[in-house]
Amino acid sequence: MIHFDRIIPISRVKKDLGSILEFISYQDETVTITQKGKAVGIIMTPDQYEQLMETLEVVSDKNILATLKSSRKDFETGKIYTHDEVWQD
């Protein structure tokens, strides 16, 4: 289930957009905009948007997902190395 930190009607967004933008910047939260009781939009910071796009890029890349699955299997079976083991001469 998706959790939104704040839900605000569009009428308030029209009045308080500056304050809402300040809020999301300082609190690192998203705001859901509603109209007639239904969600019609989301306000998020550029950093949040960039992170979301990067996540979508990773999960849509089959090669990256295969590598992650392999890594997880290695970890679960104890096929891991310490930092010193990896970087020893």
C-alpha atoms as a PDB file:
ATOM      1  CA  MET A   1       0.000   0.000   0.000  1.00  0.00           C
ATOM      2  CA  ILE A   2       1.282   3.440  -0.910  1.00  0.00           C
ATOM      3  CA  HIS A   3       1.574   5.905   1.949  1.00  0.00           C
ATOM      4  CA  PHE A   4       1.341   9.619   1.296  1.00  0.00           C
ATOM      5  CA  ASP A   5       2.520  11.962   4.004  1.00  0.00           C
ATOM      6  CA  ARG A   6      -0.023  14.687   3.340  1.00  0.00           C
ATOM      7  CA  ILE A   7      -3.308  14.937   1.445  1.00  0.00           C
ATOM      8  CA  ILE A   8      -4.440  18.440   0.504  1.00  0.00           C
ATOM      9  CA  PRO A   9      -7.449  19.596  -1.528  1.00  0.00           C
ATOM     10  CA  ILE A  10      -6.680  21.529  -4.697  1.00  0.00           C
ATOM     11  CA  SER A  11      -8.393  24.640  -3.304  1.00  0.00           C
ATOM     12  CA  ARG A  12      -5.794  24.805  -0.521  1.00  0.00           C
ATOM     13  CA  VAL A  13      -2.951  24.113  -2.959  1.00  0.00           C
ATOM     14  CA  LYS A  14      -4.066  27.125  -5.010  1.00  0.00           C
ATOM     15  CA  LYS A  15      -3.959  29.317  -1.897  1.00  0.00           C
ATOM     16  CA  ASP A  16      -0.880  27.927  -0.187  1.00  0.00           C
ATOM     17  CA  LEU A  17       1.401  26.618  -2.935  1.00  0.00           C
ATOM     18  CA  GLY A  18       4.437  28.528  -1.671  1.00  0.00           C
ATOM     19  CA  SER A  19       4.018  27.170   1.860  1.00  0.00           C
ATOM     20  CA  ILE A  20       3.414  23.657   0.563  1.00  0.00           C
ATOM     21  CA  LEU A  21       6.593  23.774  -1.531  1.00  0.00           C
ATOM     22  CA  GLU A  22       8.516  25.033   1.476  1.00  0.00           C
ATOM     23  CA  PHE A  23       7.029  22.223   3.598  1.00  0.00           C
ATOM     24  CA  ILE A  24       8.023  19.439   1.193  1.00  0.00           C
ATOM     25  CA  SER A  25      11.513  20.887   0.824  1.00  0.00           C
ATOM     26  CA  TYR A  26      12.193  21.003   4.561  1.00  0.00           C
ATOM     27  CA  GLN A  27      10.291  17.860   5.580  1.00  0.00           C
ATOM     28  CA  ASP A  28      11.298  15.742   2.555  1.00  0.00           C
ATOM     29  CA  GLU A  29       7.680  14.633   2.189  1.00  0.00           C
ATOM     30  CA  THR A  30       5.271  14.270  -0.691  1.00  0.00           C
ATOM     31  CA  VAL A  31       1.850  15.878  -0.905  1.00  0.00           C
ATOM     32  CA  THR A  32      -1.148  14.318  -2.605  1.00  0.00           C
ATOM     33  CA  ILE A  33      -3.508  16.807  -4.237  1.00  0.00           C
ATOM     34  CA  THR A  34      -7.183  15.906  -4.237  1.00  0.00           C
ATOM     35  CA  GLN A  35     -10.103  17.244  -6.236  1.00  0.00           C
ATOM     36  CA  LYS A  36     -13.640  16.292  -5.245  1.00  0.00           C
ATOM     37  CA  GLY A  37     -12.166  13.733  -2.860  1.00  0.00           C
ATOM     38  CA  LYS A  38     -10.045  11.909  -5.442  1.00  0.00           C
ATOM     39  CA  ALA A  39      -6.267  12.016  -5.798  1.00  0.00           C
ATOM     40  CA  VAL A  40      -5.360  13.980  -8.937  1.00  0.00           C
ATOM     41  CA  GLY A  41      -1.679  14.734  -8.457  1.00  0.00           C
ATOM     42  CA  ILE A  42       1.438  14.505  -6.350  1.00  0.00           C
ATOM     43  CA  ILE A  43       3.885  17.234  -5.368  1.00  0.00           C
ATOM     44  CA  MET A  44       7.431  16.093  -4.616  1.00  0.00           C
ATOM     45  CA  THR A  45      10.875  17.593  -4.533  1.00  0.00           C
ATOM     46  CA  PRO A  46      13.184  17.282  -7.531  1.00  0.00           C
ATOM     47  CA  ASP A  47      15.449  14.998  -5.454  1.00  0.00           C
ATOM     48  CA  GLN A  48      12.545  12.662  -4.690  1.00  0.00           C
ATOM     49  CA  TYR A  49      11.584  12.627  -8.372  1.00  0.00           C
ATOM     50  CA  GLU A  50      15.160  11.860  -9.429  1.00  0.00           C
ATOM     51  CA  GLN A  51      15.391   8.999  -6.918  1.00  0.00           C
ATOM     52  CA  LEU A  52      12.102   7.598  -8.201  1.00  0.00           C
ATOM     53  CA  MET A  53      13.277   7.733 -11.804  1.00  0.00           C
ATOM     54  CA  GLU A  54      16.581   6.050 -10.895  1.00  0.00           C
ATOM     55  CA  THR A  55      14.704   3.306  -9.063  1.00  0.00           C
ATOM     56  CA  LEU A  56      12.447   2.736 -12.053  1.00  0.00           C
ATOM     57  CA  GLU A  57      15.493   2.550 -14.297  1.00  0.00           C
ATOM     58  CA  VAL A  58      17.118  -0.078 -12.082  1.00  0.00           C
ATOM     59  CA  VAL A  59      14.036  -2.266 -11.694  1.00  0.00           C
ATOM     60  CA  SER A  60      13.334  -2.162 -15.418  1.00  0.00           C
ATOM     61  CA  ASP A  61      16.859  -3.339 -16.327  1.00  0.00           C
ATOM     62  CA  LYS A  62      16.811  -7.144 -16.541  1.00  0.00           C
ATOM     63  CA  ASN A  63      20.608  -7.391 -16.294  1.00  0.00           C
ATOM     64  CA  ILE A  64      20.727  -5.396 -13.067  1.00  0.00           C
ATOM     65  CA  LEU A  65      17.889  -7.448 -11.583  1.00  0.00           C
ATOM     66  CA  ALA A  66      19.659 -10.696 -12.495  1.00  0.00           C
ATOM     67  CA  THR A  67      22.852  -9.463 -10.853  1.00  0.00           C
ATOM     68  CA  LEU A  68      20.952  -8.436  -7.719  1.00  0.00           C
ATOM     69  CA  LYS A  69      19.258 -11.842  -7.533  1.00  0.00           C
ATOM     70  CA  SER A  70      22.613 -13.570  -7.900  1.00  0.00           C
ATOM     71  CA  SER A  71      24.134 -11.365  -5.203  1.00  0.00           C
ATOM     72  CA  ARG A  72      21.250 -12.088  -2.864  1.00  0.00           C
ATOM     73  CA  LYS A  73      21.662 -15.827  -3.405  1.00  0.00           C
ATOM     74  CA  ASP A  74      25.395 -15.550  -2.704  1.00  0.00           C
ATOM     75  CA  PHE A  75      24.676 -13.651   0.505  1.00  0.00           C
ATOM     76  CA  GLU A  76      22.054 -16.154   1.654  1.00  0.00           C
ATOM     77  CA  THR A  77      24.418 -19.087   1.050  1.00  0.00           C
ATOM     78  CA  GLY A  78      27.303 -17.397   2.840  1.00  0.00           C
ATOM     79  CA  LYS A  79      29.335 -16.749  -0.285  1.00  0.00           C
ATOM     80  CA  ILE A  80      30.572 -13.380   0.940  1.00  0.00           C
ATOM     81  CA  TYR A  81      33.923 -11.696   1.489  1.00  0.00           C
ATOM     82  CA  THR A  82      35.117  -9.191   4.034  1.00  0.00           C
ATOM     83  CA  HIS A  83      36.427  -5.797   3.022  1.00  0.00           C
ATOM     84  CA  ASP A  84      39.989  -6.914   3.816  1.00  0.00           C
ATOM     85  CA  GLU A  85      39.624 -10.092   1.735  1.00  0.00           C
ATOM     86  CA  VAL A  86      38.489  -8.110  -1.294  1.00  0.00           C
ATOM     87  CA  TRP A  87      41.230  -5.484  -1.075  1.00  0.00           C
ATOM     88  CA  GLN A  88      44.208  -7.594   0.020  1.00  0.00           C
ATOM     89  CA  ASP A  89      47.221  -7.594  -2.287  1.00  0.00           C
END
